[in-house]
Amino acid sequence: MELLSGLTFDNVVMSAITCLVLREVFLVALPDHVAGPGGWLIDTDSR
């Protein structure tokens, strides 16, 4: 329970922002068959 008591709103927001930034970096840096339309890691196809 002590782990959760140290968790702040700022920590949650910074973690979410970090995840979004990493996702965008992966989309730019990785080839399309990995991260792109139909990619196996990140599928950006909008269905």
C-alpha atoms as a PDB file:
ATOM      1  CA  MET A   1       0.000   0.000   0.000  1.00  0.00           C
ATOM      2  CA  GLU A   2       2.975   2.309   0.534  1.00  0.00           C
ATOM      3  CA  LEU A   3       3.734   2.087  -3.170  1.00  0.00           C
ATOM      4  CA  LEU A   4       0.363   3.588  -4.056  1.00  0.00           C
ATOM      5  CA  SER A   5       0.597   6.330  -1.436  1.00  0.00           C
ATOM      6  CA  GLY A   6       3.710   7.710  -3.156  1.00  0.00           C
ATOM      7  CA  LEU A   7       1.947   7.873  -6.517  1.00  0.00           C
ATOM      8  CA  THR A   8       0.978  11.400  -7.481  1.00  0.00           C
ATOM      9  CA  PHE A   9      -1.055  12.882 -10.299  1.00  0.00           C
ATOM     10  CA  ASP A  10       2.151  14.348 -11.755  1.00  0.00           C
ATOM     11  CA  ASN A  11       3.707  10.869 -11.916  1.00  0.00           C
ATOM     12  CA  VAL A  12       0.712   9.495 -13.783  1.00  0.00           C
ATOM     13  CA  VAL A  13       0.663  12.394 -16.260  1.00  0.00           C
ATOM     14  CA  MET A  14       4.411  12.182 -16.913  1.00  0.00           C
ATOM     15  CA  SER A  15       4.142   8.430 -17.500  1.00  0.00           C
ATOM     16  CA  ALA A  16       1.319   8.930 -20.000  1.00  0.00           C
ATOM     17  CA  ILE A  17       3.236  11.658 -21.831  1.00  0.00           C
ATOM     18  CA  THR A  18       6.349   9.464 -21.928  1.00  0.00           C
ATOM     19  CA  CYS A  19       4.359   6.580 -23.423  1.00  0.00           C
ATOM     20  CA  LEU A  20       2.832   8.843 -26.090  1.00  0.00           C
ATOM     21  CA  VAL A  21       6.223  10.304 -27.019  1.00  0.00           C
ATOM     22  CA  LEU A  22       7.798   6.834 -27.260  1.00  0.00           C
ATOM     23  CA  ARG A  23       4.933   5.657 -29.480  1.00  0.00           C
ATOM     24  CA  GLU A  24       5.476   8.578 -31.851  1.00  0.00           C
ATOM     25  CA  VAL A  25       9.239   7.938 -31.936  1.00  0.00           C
ATOM     26  CA  PHE A  26       8.583   4.277 -32.735  1.00  0.00           C
ATOM     27  CA  LEU A  27       6.207   5.230 -35.550  1.00  0.00           C
ATOM     28  CA  VAL A  28       8.826   7.482 -37.125  1.00  0.00           C
ATOM     29  CA  ALA A  29      11.890   5.306 -36.547  1.00  0.00           C
ATOM     30  CA  LEU A  30      10.616   1.797 -37.279  1.00  0.00           C
ATOM     31  CA  PRO A  31       9.786   0.452 -40.751  1.00  0.00           C
ATOM     32  CA  ASP A  32       6.146   0.201 -41.846  1.00  0.00           C
ATOM     33  CA  HIS A  33       5.921  -3.588 -41.508  1.00  0.00           C
ATOM     34  CA  VAL A  34       6.763  -3.189 -37.798  1.00  0.00           C
ATOM     35  CA  ALA A  35       5.016   0.084 -36.918  1.00  0.00           C
ATOM     36  CA  GLY A  36       2.616   1.309 -39.531  1.00  0.00           C
ATOM     37  CA  PRO A  37      -0.476   0.272 -41.440  1.00  0.00           C
ATOM     38  CA  GLY A  38      -0.751  -3.465 -40.736  1.00  0.00           C
ATOM     39  CA  GLY A  39       2.382  -3.479 -38.591  1.00  0.00           C
ATOM     40  CA  TRP A  40       2.892  -6.313 -36.112  1.00  0.00           C
ATOM     41  CA  LEU A  41       4.060  -4.087 -33.227  1.00  0.00           C
ATOM     42  CA  ILE A  42       1.954  -0.948 -33.735  1.00  0.00           C
ATOM     43  CA  ASP A  43      -0.928  -1.171 -36.186  1.00  0.00           C
ATOM     44  CA  THR A  44      -1.917   2.332 -37.327  1.00  0.00           C
ATOM     45  CA  ASP A  45      -4.631   1.095 -39.688  1.00  0.00           C
ATOM     46  CA  SER A  46      -7.899   2.860 -38.837  1.00  0.00           C
ATOM     47  CA  ARG A  47     -10.751   0.388 -39.154  1.00  0.00           C
END
